[in-house]
N, C-alpha and C. Protein backbone atom coordinates (compact mmCIF):
# COMPACT_ATOMS: atom_id res chain seq x y z
N UNK A 1 172.14 163.15 -86.29
CA UNK A 1 171.08 163.16 -85.30
C UNK A 1 171.36 164.28 -84.28
N UNK A 2 170.36 165.06 -83.98
CA UNK A 2 170.51 166.15 -83.01
C UNK A 2 170.57 165.59 -81.60
N UNK A 3 171.32 166.27 -80.79
CA UNK A 3 171.45 165.85 -79.39
C UNK A 3 170.22 166.30 -78.62
N UNK A 4 169.63 165.37 -77.88
CA UNK A 4 168.53 165.70 -76.98
C UNK A 4 169.17 166.17 -75.68
N UNK A 5 169.36 167.49 -75.55
CA UNK A 5 170.10 168.03 -74.41
C UNK A 5 169.42 167.72 -73.08
N UNK A 6 168.11 167.72 -73.06
CA UNK A 6 167.39 167.42 -71.81
C UNK A 6 167.67 165.98 -71.37
N UNK A 7 167.60 165.05 -72.31
CA UNK A 7 167.87 163.64 -71.98
C UNK A 7 169.33 163.47 -71.55
N UNK A 8 170.23 164.14 -72.24
CA UNK A 8 171.65 164.06 -71.90
C UNK A 8 171.87 164.59 -70.49
N UNK A 9 171.29 165.74 -70.18
CA UNK A 9 171.43 166.32 -68.84
C UNK A 9 170.87 165.37 -67.78
N UNK A 10 169.68 164.83 -68.01
CA UNK A 10 169.06 163.91 -67.05
C UNK A 10 169.93 162.68 -66.84
N UNK A 11 170.47 162.14 -67.93
CA UNK A 11 171.30 160.94 -67.85
C UNK A 11 172.58 161.21 -67.07
N UNK A 12 173.20 162.35 -67.35
CA UNK A 12 174.43 162.71 -66.63
C UNK A 12 174.12 162.87 -65.14
N UNK A 13 173.10 163.63 -64.82
CA UNK A 13 172.76 163.86 -63.40
C UNK A 13 172.43 162.55 -62.68
N UNK A 14 171.76 161.63 -63.36
CA UNK A 14 171.40 160.35 -62.75
C UNK A 14 172.61 159.43 -62.57
N UNK A 15 173.71 159.74 -63.24
CA UNK A 15 174.88 158.88 -63.22
C UNK A 15 175.99 159.37 -62.29
N UNK A 16 175.75 160.45 -61.58
CA UNK A 16 176.79 161.03 -60.72
C UNK A 16 177.11 160.12 -59.54
N UNK A 17 178.38 160.11 -59.18
CA UNK A 17 178.87 159.40 -58.00
C UNK A 17 179.58 160.45 -57.16
N UNK A 18 179.04 160.70 -55.97
CA UNK A 18 179.59 161.74 -55.09
C UNK A 18 179.71 163.08 -55.81
N UNK A 19 178.72 163.40 -56.63
CA UNK A 19 178.68 164.69 -57.31
C UNK A 19 179.55 164.80 -58.55
N UNK A 20 180.22 163.71 -58.92
CA UNK A 20 181.09 163.72 -60.10
C UNK A 20 180.66 162.63 -61.07
N UNK A 21 181.04 162.81 -62.33
CA UNK A 21 180.73 161.83 -63.37
C UNK A 21 181.98 161.00 -63.64
N UNK A 22 181.97 159.71 -63.28
CA UNK A 22 183.14 158.88 -63.56
C UNK A 22 183.38 158.78 -65.07
N UNK A 23 184.64 158.84 -65.46
CA UNK A 23 185.01 158.80 -66.87
C UNK A 23 184.42 157.58 -67.60
N UNK A 24 184.55 156.37 -67.03
CA UNK A 24 183.98 155.21 -67.75
C UNK A 24 182.47 155.36 -67.98
N UNK A 25 181.79 156.00 -67.05
CA UNK A 25 180.35 156.23 -67.19
C UNK A 25 180.10 157.25 -68.31
N UNK A 26 180.95 158.26 -68.40
CA UNK A 26 180.82 159.25 -69.47
C UNK A 26 180.93 158.57 -70.84
N UNK A 27 181.89 157.65 -70.97
CA UNK A 27 182.04 156.92 -72.23
C UNK A 27 180.82 156.05 -72.51
N UNK A 28 180.25 155.43 -71.47
CA UNK A 28 179.07 154.59 -71.65
C UNK A 28 177.87 155.44 -72.09
N UNK A 29 177.70 156.60 -71.47
CA UNK A 29 176.62 157.51 -71.87
C UNK A 29 176.80 157.91 -73.33
N UNK A 30 178.03 158.21 -73.70
CA UNK A 30 178.33 158.59 -75.09
C UNK A 30 177.87 157.51 -76.06
N UNK A 31 178.20 156.28 -75.73
CA UNK A 31 177.83 155.15 -76.59
C UNK A 31 176.31 154.92 -76.57
N UNK A 32 175.73 154.89 -75.36
CA UNK A 32 174.30 154.59 -75.23
C UNK A 32 173.41 155.63 -75.91
N UNK A 33 173.80 156.91 -75.81
CA UNK A 33 172.97 157.97 -76.39
C UNK A 33 173.44 158.39 -77.78
N UNK A 34 174.50 157.74 -78.26
CA UNK A 34 175.06 158.04 -79.58
C UNK A 34 175.41 159.52 -79.72
N UNK A 35 176.15 160.01 -78.72
CA UNK A 35 176.65 161.39 -78.76
C UNK A 35 178.16 161.35 -78.55
N UNK A 36 178.83 162.39 -79.00
CA UNK A 36 180.29 162.42 -78.88
C UNK A 36 180.72 162.63 -77.43
N UNK A 37 181.94 162.20 -77.14
CA UNK A 37 182.49 162.46 -75.81
C UNK A 37 182.64 163.97 -75.61
N UNK A 38 182.88 164.68 -76.70
CA UNK A 38 182.97 166.14 -76.62
C UNK A 38 181.65 166.72 -76.11
N UNK A 39 180.53 166.21 -76.62
CA UNK A 39 179.21 166.69 -76.18
C UNK A 39 178.99 166.39 -74.70
N UNK A 40 179.47 165.23 -74.25
CA UNK A 40 179.35 164.87 -72.84
C UNK A 40 180.15 165.87 -72.00
N UNK A 41 181.38 166.12 -72.42
CA UNK A 41 182.24 167.06 -71.70
C UNK A 41 181.67 168.47 -71.67
N UNK A 42 181.13 168.91 -72.79
CA UNK A 42 180.53 170.25 -72.86
C UNK A 42 179.33 170.36 -71.93
N UNK A 43 178.49 169.33 -71.91
CA UNK A 43 177.32 169.36 -71.03
C UNK A 43 177.76 169.32 -69.57
N UNK A 44 178.75 168.50 -69.26
CA UNK A 44 179.25 168.44 -67.88
C UNK A 44 179.78 169.82 -67.46
N UNK A 45 180.51 170.47 -68.35
CA UNK A 45 181.02 171.81 -68.04
C UNK A 45 179.86 172.79 -67.82
N UNK A 46 178.87 172.72 -68.69
CA UNK A 46 177.71 173.61 -68.58
C UNK A 46 177.01 173.42 -67.23
N UNK A 47 176.96 172.16 -66.77
CA UNK A 47 176.29 171.84 -65.52
C UNK A 47 177.22 171.97 -64.31
N UNK A 48 178.47 172.38 -64.58
CA UNK A 48 179.50 172.51 -63.55
C UNK A 48 179.73 171.19 -62.81
N UNK A 49 179.78 170.12 -63.59
CA UNK A 49 180.03 168.77 -63.06
C UNK A 49 181.42 168.35 -63.50
N UNK A 50 182.20 167.88 -62.55
CA UNK A 50 183.55 167.41 -62.84
C UNK A 50 183.50 165.96 -63.30
N UNK A 51 184.42 165.61 -64.21
CA UNK A 51 184.58 164.23 -64.65
C UNK A 51 185.69 163.63 -63.80
N UNK A 52 185.42 162.51 -63.17
CA UNK A 52 186.37 161.88 -62.26
C UNK A 52 187.09 160.72 -62.93
N UNK A 53 188.32 160.51 -62.53
CA UNK A 53 189.12 159.36 -63.00
C UNK A 53 189.22 159.32 -64.51
N UNK A 54 189.53 160.46 -65.11
CA UNK A 54 189.62 160.53 -66.56
C UNK A 54 190.71 159.58 -67.06
N UNK A 55 190.36 158.76 -68.02
CA UNK A 55 191.24 157.70 -68.51
C UNK A 55 192.21 158.17 -69.58
N UNK A 56 191.77 159.04 -70.47
CA UNK A 56 192.58 159.38 -71.63
C UNK A 56 192.80 160.88 -71.79
N UNK A 57 192.40 161.65 -70.82
CA UNK A 57 192.53 163.09 -70.96
C UNK A 57 191.49 163.68 -71.91
N UNK A 58 190.43 162.94 -72.17
CA UNK A 58 189.39 163.40 -73.09
C UNK A 58 188.52 164.48 -72.47
N UNK A 59 188.46 164.49 -71.16
CA UNK A 59 187.60 165.43 -70.46
C UNK A 59 188.47 166.32 -69.58
N UNK A 60 188.65 167.57 -69.96
CA UNK A 60 189.49 168.47 -69.16
C UNK A 60 188.82 168.84 -67.85
């Protein structure tokens, strides 16, 4: 399934806490939208959004 980048971007932006994306939320988005954590990380990087409280080092 192709990633709907617009929906992913909107979901990430709507989930920010103090301008950052909490790691547990990133994992939830990954599951809810059926996209890889890598895709979440890449989109966050593209949007210049930091991932906060990274649990497993999945998001540099």
